Amino acid sequence: MRGLPYSVIKEDIKKFFEDFVLSDESIHFRVNAEGRPTGEGFVEFRGPEDAKAALAKDRMTLGSRYIELFPSSLEELSEALSGVVH
């Protein structure tokens, strides 16, 4: 996800994806070196079908911001959360 409000919390993401079952552990926010939110995040869905269906919410709004959604892999999630940028 890209374009998240810096004040977003996991409950906001659960509401945004209300048609899907998400746990707190399946929602990840990216932070910069100072620990501040970057406006990017990742959600792990139950399976590829849910992930594909969730992409229908691309460019819908969360608060006053529209959210861009992109498919990603577990490898991309791991790299993003470890601070590796490609």
PDB file of N, CA and C in Angstrom:
ATOM      1  N   MET A   1       0.849  -1.163   0.000  1.00  0.00           N
ATOM      2  CA  MET A   1       0.000   0.000   0.000  1.00  0.00           C
ATOM      3  C   MET A   1       0.896   1.227   0.000  1.00  0.00           C
ATOM      4  N   ARG A   2       0.432   2.262  -0.687  1.00  0.00           N
ATOM      5  CA  ARG A   2       1.166   3.517  -0.682  1.00  0.00           C
ATOM      6  C   ARG A   2       0.155   4.653  -0.548  1.00  0.00           C
ATOM      7  N   GLY A   3       0.547   5.703   0.164  1.00  0.00           N
ATOM      8  CA  GLY A   3      -0.325   6.852   0.357  1.00  0.00           C
ATOM      9  C   GLY A   3      -1.057   6.838   1.682  1.00  0.00           C
ATOM     10  N   LEU A   4      -0.626   5.962   2.593  1.00  0.00           N
ATOM     11  CA  LEU A   4      -1.287   5.873   3.897  1.00  0.00           C
ATOM     12  C   LEU A   4      -1.083   7.158   4.695  1.00  0.00           C
ATOM     13  N   PRO A   5      -2.111   7.576   5.442  1.00  0.00           N
ATOM     14  CA  PRO A   5      -1.907   8.707   6.357  1.00  0.00           C
ATOM     15  C   PRO A   5      -0.833   8.317   7.378  1.00  0.00           C
ATOM     16  N   TYR A   6      -0.005   9.255   7.772  1.00  0.00           N
ATOM     17  CA  TYR A   6       1.058   8.946   8.733  1.00  0.00           C
ATOM     18  C   TYR A   6       0.498   8.518  10.085  1.00  0.00           C
ATOM     19  N   SER A   7      -0.739   8.876  10.363  1.00  0.00           N
ATOM     20  CA  SER A   7      -1.363   8.539  11.647  1.00  0.00           C
ATOM     21  C   SER A   7      -2.154   7.231  11.597  1.00  0.00           C
ATOM     22  N   VAL A   8      -2.073   6.496  10.494  1.00  0.00           N
ATOM     23  CA  VAL A   8      -2.862   5.277  10.333  1.00  0.00           C
ATOM     24  C   VAL A   8      -2.507   4.253  11.411  1.00  0.00           C
ATOM     25  N   ILE A   9      -3.520   3.506  11.843  1.00  0.00           N
ATOM     26  CA  ILE A   9      -3.325   2.401  12.788  1.00  0.00           C
ATOM     27  C   ILE A   9      -3.906   1.129  12.163  1.00  0.00           C
ATOM     28  N   LYS A  10      -3.596   0.005  12.759  1.00  0.00           N
ATOM     29  CA  LYS A  10      -4.034  -1.277  12.207  1.00  0.00           C
ATOM     30  C   LYS A  10      -5.552  -1.380  12.106  1.00  0.00           C
ATOM     31  N   GLU A  11      -6.278  -0.805  13.048  1.00  0.00           N
ATOM     32  CA  GLU A  11      -7.744  -0.829  12.984  1.00  0.00           C
ATOM     33  C   GLU A  11      -8.249  -0.121  11.732  1.00  0.00           C
ATOM     34  N   ASP A  12      -7.577   0.945  11.320  1.00  0.00           N
ATOM     35  CA  ASP A  12      -7.957   1.654  10.092  1.00  0.00           C
ATOM     36  C   ASP A  12      -7.825   0.739   8.877  1.00  0.00           C
ATOM     37  N   ILE A  13      -6.763  -0.042   8.853  1.00  0.00           N
ATOM     38  CA  ILE A  13      -6.537  -0.963   7.734  1.00  0.00           C
ATOM     39  C   ILE A  13      -7.590  -2.067   7.744  1.00  0.00           C
ATOM     40  N   LYS A  14      -7.935  -2.567   8.918  1.00  0.00           N
ATOM     41  CA  LYS A  14      -8.978  -3.595   9.016  1.00  0.00           C
ATOM     42  C   LYS A  14     -10.307  -3.062   8.496  1.00  0.00           C
ATOM     43  N   LYS A  15     -10.625  -1.813   8.791  1.00  0.00           N
ATOM     44  CA  LYS A  15     -11.868  -1.211   8.282  1.00  0.00           C
ATOM     45  C   LYS A  15     -11.798  -1.014   6.773  1.00  0.00           C
ATOM     46  N   PHE A  16     -10.652  -0.580   6.268  1.00  0.00           N
ATOM     47  CA  PHE A  16     -10.476  -0.384   4.827  1.00  0.00           C
ATOM     48  C   PHE A  16     -10.705  -1.699   4.081  1.00  0.00           C
ATOM     49  N   PHE A  17     -10.182  -2.788   4.623  1.00  0.00           N
ATOM     50  CA  PHE A  17     -10.335  -4.118   4.035  1.00  0.00           C
ATOM     51  C   PHE A  17     -11.373  -4.922   4.816  1.00  0.00           C
ATOM     52  N   GLU A  18     -12.506  -4.305   5.115  1.00  0.00           N
ATOM     53  CA  GLU A  18     -13.508  -4.926   5.985  1.00  0.00           C
ATOM     54  C   GLU A  18     -14.086  -6.227   5.441  1.00  0.00           C
ATOM     55  N   ASP A  19     -13.983  -6.473   4.152  1.00  0.00           N
ATOM     56  CA  ASP A  19     -14.514  -7.707   3.570  1.00  0.00           C
ATOM     57  C   ASP A  19     -13.564  -8.893   3.723  1.00  0.00           C
ATOM     58  N   PHE A  20     -12.423  -8.661   4.347  1.00  0.00           N
ATOM     59  CA  PHE A  20     -11.403  -9.702   4.494  1.00  0.00           C
ATOM     60  C   PHE A  20     -11.067  -9.903   5.968  1.00  0.00           C
ATOM     61  N   VAL A  21     -10.668 -11.117   6.304  1.00  0.00           N
ATOM     62  CA  VAL A  21     -10.262 -11.419   7.675  1.00  0.00           C
ATOM     63  C   VAL A  21      -8.779 -11.090   7.817  1.00  0.00           C
ATOM     64  N   LEU A  22      -8.479 -10.117   8.691  1.00  0.00           N
ATOM     65  CA  LEU A  22      -7.094  -9.709   8.931  1.00  0.00           C
ATOM     66  C   LEU A  22      -6.796  -9.731  10.417  1.00  0.00           C
ATOM     67  N   SER A  23      -5.598 -10.144  10.763  1.00  0.00           N
ATOM     68  CA  SER A  23      -5.141 -10.064  12.150  1.00  0.00           C
ATOM     69  C   SER A  23      -4.149  -8.913  12.248  1.00  0.00           C
ATOM     70  N   ASP A  24      -3.879  -8.474  13.458  1.00  0.00           N
ATOM     71  CA  ASP A  24      -2.877  -7.421  13.650  1.00  0.00           C
ATOM     72  C   ASP A  24      -1.526  -7.846  13.081  1.00  0.00           C
ATOM     73  N   GLU A  25      -1.220  -9.138  13.189  1.00  0.00           N
ATOM     74  CA  GLU A  25       0.069  -9.648  12.723  1.00  0.00           C
ATOM     75  C   GLU A  25       0.190  -9.636  11.203  1.00  0.00           C
ATOM     76  N   SER A  26      -0.933  -9.507  10.500  1.00  0.00           N
ATOM     77  CA  SER A  26      -0.897  -9.523   9.035  1.00  0.00           C
ATOM     78  C   SER A  26      -0.771  -8.126   8.431  1.00  0.00           C
ATOM     79  N   ILE A  27      -0.706  -7.104   9.279  1.00  0.00           N
ATOM     80  CA  ILE A  27      -0.625  -5.713   8.829  1.00  0.00           C
ATOM     81  C   ILE A  27       0.728  -5.142   9.239  1.00  0.00           C
ATOM     82  N   HIS A  28       1.444  -4.590   8.270  1.00  0.00           N
ATOM     83  CA  HIS A  28       2.794  -4.080   8.515  1.00  0.00           C
ATOM     84  C   HIS A  28       2.934  -2.673   7.952  1.00  0.00           C
ATOM     85  N   PHE A  29       3.506  -1.767   8.737  1.00  0.00           N
ATOM     86  CA  PHE A  29       3.760  -0.403   8.288  1.00  0.00           C
ATOM     87  C   PHE A  29       5.261  -0.190   8.146  1.00  0.00           C
ATOM     88  N   ARG A  30       5.634   0.486   7.098  1.00  0.00           N
ATOM     89  CA  ARG A  30       7.050   0.788   6.873  1.00  0.00           C
ATOM     90  C   ARG A  30       7.409   2.083   7.588  1.00  0.00           C
ATOM     91  N   VAL A  31       8.592   2.120   8.191  1.00  0.00           N
ATOM     92  CA  VAL A  31       9.087   3.322   8.867  1.00  0.00           C
ATOM     93  C   VAL A  31      10.476   3.650   8.332  1.00  0.00           C
ATOM     94  N   ASN A  32      10.872   4.917   8.463  1.00  0.00           N
ATOM     95  CA  ASN A  32      12.200   5.330   8.000  1.00  0.00           C
ATOM     96  C   ASN A  32      13.237   5.079   9.094  1.00  0.00           C
ATOM     97  N   ALA A  33      14.460   5.500   8.866  1.00  0.00           N
ATOM     98  CA  ALA A  33      15.557   5.262   9.813  1.00  0.00           C
ATOM     99  C   ALA A  33      15.305   5.903  11.171  1.00  0.00           C
ATOM    100  N   GLU A  34      14.516   6.969  11.195  1.00  0.00           N
ATOM    101  CA  GLU A  34      14.189   7.640  12.460  1.00  0.00           C
ATOM    102  C   GLU A  34      12.966   7.025  13.141  1.00  0.00           C
ATOM    103  N   GLY A  35      12.386   5.994  12.522  1.00  0.00           N
ATOM    104  CA  GLY A  35      11.222   5.334  13.094  1.00  0.00           C
ATOM    105  C   GLY A  35       9.904   6.007  12.760  1.00  0.00           C
ATOM    106  N   ARG A  36       9.933   6.940  11.818  1.00  0.00           N
ATOM    107  CA  ARG A  36       8.708   7.643  11.418  1.00  0.00           C
ATOM    108  C   ARG A  36       8.040   6.905  10.256  1.00  0.00           C
ATOM    109  N   PRO A  37       6.703   6.924  10.218  1.00  0.00           N
ATOM    110  CA  PRO A  37       5.982   6.257   9.126  1.00  0.00           C
ATOM    111  C   PRO A  37       6.337   6.846   7.765  1.00  0.00           C
ATOM    112  N   THR A  38       6.396   5.979   6.758  1.00  0.00           N
ATOM    113  CA  THR A  38       6.691   6.423   5.394  1.00  0.00           C
ATOM    114  C   THR A  38       5.431   6.573   4.549  1.00  0.00           C
ATOM    115  N   GLY A  39       4.300   6.107   5.063  1.00  0.00           N
ATOM    116  CA  GLY A  39       3.073   6.119   4.270  1.00  0.00           C
ATOM    117  C   GLY A  39       2.908   4.865   3.428  1.00  0.00           C
ATOM    118  N   GLU A  40       3.771   3.888   3.665  1.00  0.00           N
ATOM    119  CA  GLU A  40       3.690   2.619   2.947  1.00  0.00           C
ATOM    120  C   GLU A  40       3.412   1.489   3.926  1.00  0.00           C
ATOM    121  N   GLY A  41       2.756   0.455   3.430  1.00  0.00           N
ATOM    122  CA  GLY A  41       2.462  -0.681   4.283  1.00  0.00           C
ATOM    123  C   GLY A  41       2.196  -1.928   3.461  1.00  0.00           C
ATOM    124  N   PHE A  42       2.109  -3.033   4.160  1.00  0.00           N
ATOM    125  CA  PHE A  42       1.853  -4.326   3.544  1.00  0.00           C
ATOM    126  C   PHE A  42       0.776  -5.040   4.346  1.00  0.00           C
ATOM    127  N   VAL A  43      -0.064  -5.799   3.638  1.00  0.00           N
ATOM    128  CA  VAL A  43      -1.075  -6.633   4.284  1.00  0.00           C
ATOM    129  C   VAL A  43      -0.913  -8.045   3.748  1.00  0.00           C
ATOM    130  N   GLU A  44      -0.872  -9.000   4.654  1.00  0.00           N
ATOM    131  CA  GLU A  44      -0.828 -10.409   4.270  1.00  0.00           C
ATOM    132  C   GLU A  44      -2.255 -10.938   4.314  1.00  0.00           C
ATOM    133  N   PHE A  45      -2.765 -11.368   3.157  1.00  0.00           N
ATOM    134  CA  PHE A  45      -4.115 -11.914   3.078  1.00  0.00           C
ATOM    135  C   PHE A  45      -4.075 -13.421   3.239  1.00  0.00           C
ATOM    136  N   ARG A  46      -5.242 -14.029   3.430  1.00  0.00           N
ATOM    137  CA  ARG A  46      -5.317 -15.467   3.679  1.00  0.00           C
ATOM    138  C   ARG A  46      -4.836 -16.304   2.504  1.00  0.00           C
ATOM    139  N   GLY A  47      -4.938 -15.776   1.316  1.00  0.00           N
ATOM    140  CA  GLY A  47      -4.509 -16.523   0.139  1.00  0.00           C
ATOM    141  C   GLY A  47      -4.490 -15.634  -1.082  1.00  0.00           C
ATOM    142  N   PRO A  48      -4.022 -16.187  -2.208  1.00  0.00           N
ATOM    143  CA  PRO A  48      -3.912 -15.384  -3.427  1.00  0.00           C
ATOM    144  C   PRO A  48      -5.249 -14.838  -3.917  1.00  0.00           C
ATOM    145  N   GLU A  49      -6.330 -15.581  -3.700  1.00  0.00           N
ATOM    146  CA  GLU A  49      -7.642 -15.112  -4.143  1.00  0.00           C
ATOM    147  C   GLU A  49      -8.047 -13.853  -3.388  1.00  0.00           C
ATOM    148  N   ASP A  50      -7.857 -13.856  -2.071  1.00  0.00           N
ATOM    149  CA  ASP A  50      -8.179 -12.668  -1.272  1.00  0.00           C
ATOM    150  C   ASP A  50      -7.290 -11.493  -1.668  1.00  0.00           C
ATOM    151  N   ALA A  51      -6.013 -11.761  -1.873  1.00  0.00           N
ATOM    152  CA  ALA A  51      -5.086 -10.690  -2.249  1.00  0.00           C
ATOM    153  C   ALA A  51      -5.506 -10.060  -3.570  1.00  0.00           C
ATOM    154  N   LYS A  52      -5.884 -10.886  -4.530  1.00  0.00           N
ATOM    155  CA  LYS A  52      -6.314 -10.373  -5.833  1.00  0.00           C
ATOM    156  C   LYS A  52      -7.607  -9.580  -5.690  1.00  0.00           C
ATOM    157  N   ALA A  53      -8.551 -10.083  -4.915  1.00  0.00           N
ATOM    158  CA  ALA A  53      -9.823  -9.382  -4.712  1.00  0.00           C
ATOM    159  C   ALA A  53      -9.614  -8.045  -4.007  1.00  0.00           C
ATOM    160  N   ALA A  54      -8.656  -7.988  -3.100  1.00  0.00           N
ATOM    161  CA  ALA A  54      -8.387  -6.752  -2.354  1.00  0.00           C
ATOM    162  C   ALA A  54      -7.884  -5.640  -3.266  1.00  0.00           C
ATOM    163  N   LEU A  55      -7.254  -5.999  -4.374  1.00  0.00           N
ATOM    164  CA  LEU A  55      -6.745  -4.990  -5.309  1.00  0.00           C
ATOM    165  C   LEU A  55      -7.870  -4.153  -5.919  1.00  0.00           C
ATOM    166  N   ALA A  56      -9.104  -4.621  -5.819  1.00  0.00           N
ATOM    167  CA  ALA A  56     -10.248  -3.842  -6.313  1.00  0.00           C
ATOM    168  C   ALA A  56     -10.410  -2.541  -5.532  1.00  0.00           C
ATOM    169  N   LYS A  57      -9.805  -2.449  -4.366  1.00  0.00           N
ATOM    170  CA  LYS A  57      -9.893  -1.245  -3.541  1.00  0.00           C
ATOM    171  C   LYS A  57      -8.809  -0.215  -3.888  1.00  0.00           C
ATOM    172  N   ASP A  58      -8.029  -0.497  -4.927  1.00  0.00           N
ATOM    173  CA  ASP A  58      -6.983   0.434  -5.362  1.00  0.00           C
ATOM    174  C   ASP A  58      -7.580   1.810  -5.626  1.00  0.00           C
ATOM    175  N   ARG A  59      -6.934   2.827  -5.082  1.00  0.00           N
ATOM    176  CA  ARG A  59      -7.292   4.236  -5.232  1.00  0.00           C
ATOM    177  C   ARG A  59      -8.576   4.636  -4.504  1.00  0.00           C
ATOM    178  N   MET A  60      -9.065   3.768  -3.623  1.00  0.00           N
ATOM    179  CA  MET A  60     -10.162   4.173  -2.741  1.00  0.00           C
ATOM    180  C   MET A  60      -9.560   4.979  -1.599  1.00  0.00           C
ATOM    181  N   THR A  61     -10.389   5.717  -0.887  1.00  0.00           N
ATOM    182  CA  THR A  61      -9.859   6.611   0.139  1.00  0.00           C
ATOM    183  C   THR A  61      -9.867   5.989   1.526  1.00  0.00           C
ATOM    184  N   LEU A  62      -8.879   6.393   2.282  1.00  0.00           N
ATOM    185  CA  LEU A  62      -8.760   6.073   3.703  1.00  0.00           C
ATOM    186  C   LEU A  62      -8.567   7.425   4.365  1.00  0.00           C
ATOM    187  N   GLY A  63      -9.581   7.869   5.082  1.00  0.00           N
ATOM    188  CA  GLY A  63      -9.561   9.234   5.577  1.00  0.00           C
ATOM    189  C   GLY A  63      -9.669  10.161   4.382  1.00  0.00           C
ATOM    190  N   SER A  64      -8.765  11.095   4.268  1.00  0.00           N
ATOM    191  CA  SER A  64      -8.790  12.032   3.141  1.00  0.00           C
ATOM    192  C   SER A  64      -7.781  11.669   2.055  1.00  0.00           C
ATOM    193  N   ARG A  65      -7.153  10.502   2.187  1.00  0.00           N
ATOM    194  CA  ARG A  65      -6.103  10.112   1.241  1.00  0.00           C
ATOM    195  C   ARG A  65      -6.565   8.938   0.386  1.00  0.00           C
ATOM    196  N   TYR A  66      -6.188   8.960  -0.876  1.00  0.00           N
ATOM    197  CA  TYR A  66      -6.467   7.774  -1.681  1.00  0.00           C
ATOM    198  C   TYR A  66      -5.265   6.846  -1.572  1.00  0.00           C
ATOM    199  N   ILE A  67      -5.562   5.568  -1.524  1.00  0.00           N
ATOM    200  CA  ILE A  67      -4.547   4.550  -1.273  1.00  0.00           C
ATOM    201  C   ILE A  67      -4.261   3.781  -2.562  1.00  0.00           C
ATOM    202  N   GLU A  68      -2.991   3.692  -2.905  1.00  0.00           N
ATOM    203  CA  GLU A  68      -2.582   2.898  -4.060  1.00  0.00           C
ATOM    204  C   GLU A  68      -2.219   1.495  -3.579  1.00  0.00           C
ATOM    205  N   LEU A  69      -2.723   0.508  -4.283  1.00  0.00           N
ATOM    206  CA  LEU A  69      -2.456  -0.885  -3.927  1.00  0.00           C
ATOM    207  C   LEU A  69      -1.674  -1.565  -5.045  1.00  0.00           C
ATOM    208  N   PHE A  70      -0.738  -2.405  -4.643  1.00  0.00           N
ATOM    209  CA  PHE A  70       0.098  -3.147  -5.577  1.00  0.00           C
ATOM    210  C   PHE A  70       0.259  -4.567  -5.065  1.00  0.00           C
ATOM    211  N   PRO A  71       0.275  -5.556  -5.958  1.00  0.00           N
ATOM    212  CA  PRO A  71       0.602  -6.906  -5.494  1.00  0.00           C
ATOM    213  C   PRO A  71       2.072  -6.952  -5.081  1.00  0.00           C
ATOM    214  N   SER A  72       2.373  -7.762  -4.099  1.00  0.00           N
ATOM    215  CA  SER A  72       3.760  -7.922  -3.655  1.00  0.00           C
ATOM    216  C   SER A  72       3.967  -9.346  -3.158  1.00  0.00           C
ATOM    217  N   SER A  73       5.216  -9.692  -2.943  1.00  0.00           N
ATOM    218  CA  SER A  73       5.570 -11.035  -2.487  1.00  0.00           C
ATOM    219  C   SER A  73       6.047 -10.983  -1.039  1.00  0.00           C
ATOM    220  N   LEU A  74       6.170 -12.151  -0.436  1.00  0.00           N
ATOM    221  CA  LEU A  74       6.715 -12.218   0.921  1.00  0.00           C
ATOM    222  C   LEU A  74       8.157 -11.723   0.946  1.00  0.00           C
ATOM    223  N   GLU A  75       8.884 -11.950  -0.141  1.00  0.00           N
ATOM    224  CA  GLU A  75      10.266 -11.460  -0.230  1.00  0.00           C
ATOM    225  C   GLU A  75      10.291  -9.929  -0.205  1.00  0.00           C
ATOM    226  N   GLU A  76       9.379  -9.301  -0.937  1.00  0.00           N
ATOM    227  CA  GLU A  76       9.307  -7.831  -0.934  1.00  0.00           C
ATOM    228  C   GLU A  76       8.943  -7.304   0.447  1.00  0.00           C
ATOM    229  N   LEU A  77       8.035  -7.990   1.117  1.00  0.00           N
ATOM    230  CA  LEU A  77       7.660  -7.605   2.481  1.00  0.00           C
ATOM    231  C   LEU A  77       8.876  -7.681   3.389  1.00  0.00           C
ATOM    232  N   SER A  78       9.600  -8.787   3.327  1.00  0.00           N
ATOM    233  CA  SER A  78      10.773  -8.972   4.172  1.00  0.00           C
ATOM    234  C   SER A  78      11.823  -7.900   3.910  1.00  0.00           C
ATOM    235  N   GLU A  79      12.082  -7.612   2.648  1.00  0.00           N
ATOM    236  CA  GLU A  79      13.067  -6.585   2.299  1.00  0.00           C
ATOM    237  C   GLU A  79      12.630  -5.211   2.785  1.00  0.00           C
ATOM    238  N   ALA A  80      11.364  -4.890   2.589  1.00  0.00           N
ATOM    239  CA  ALA A  80      10.857  -3.574   2.987  1.00  0.00           C
ATOM    240  C   ALA A  80      10.948  -3.379   4.492  1.00  0.00           C
ATOM    241  N   LEU A  81      10.627  -4.405   5.232  1.00  0.00           N
ATOM    242  CA  LEU A  81      10.627  -4.273   6.688  1.00  0.00           C
ATOM    243  C   LEU A  81      12.028  -4.336   7.276  1.00  0.00           C
ATOM    244  N   SER A  82      12.985  -4.850   6.503  1.00  0.00           N
ATOM    245  CA  SER A  82      14.363  -4.884   6.998  1.00  0.00           C
ATOM    246  C   SER A  82      15.135  -3.634   6.597  1.00  0.00           C
ATOM    247  N   GLY A  83      14.488  -2.761   5.844  1.00  0.00           N
ATOM    248  CA  GLY A  83      15.130  -1.514   5.442  1.00  0.00           C
ATOM    249  C   GLY A  83      15.861  -1.589   4.124  1.00  0.00           C
ATOM    250  N   VAL A  84      15.845  -2.755   3.490  1.00  0.00           N
ATOM    251  CA  VAL A  84      16.490  -2.899   2.192  1.00  0.00           C
ATOM    252  C   VAL A  84      15.563  -2.308   1.137  1.00  0.00           C
ATOM    253  N   VAL A  85      16.096  -1.424   0.315  1.00  0.00           N
ATOM    254  CA  VAL A  85      15.290  -0.812  -0.738  1.00  0.00           C
ATOM    255  C   VAL A  85      15.915  -1.125  -2.087  1.00  0.00           C
ATOM    256  N   HIS A  86      15.105  -1.637  -3.008  1.00  0.00           N
ATOM    257  CA  HIS A  86      15.576  -1.946  -4.373  1.00  0.00           C
ATOM    258  C   HIS A  86      14.844  -1.078  -5.354  1.00  0.00           C
TER     259      HIS A  86
END
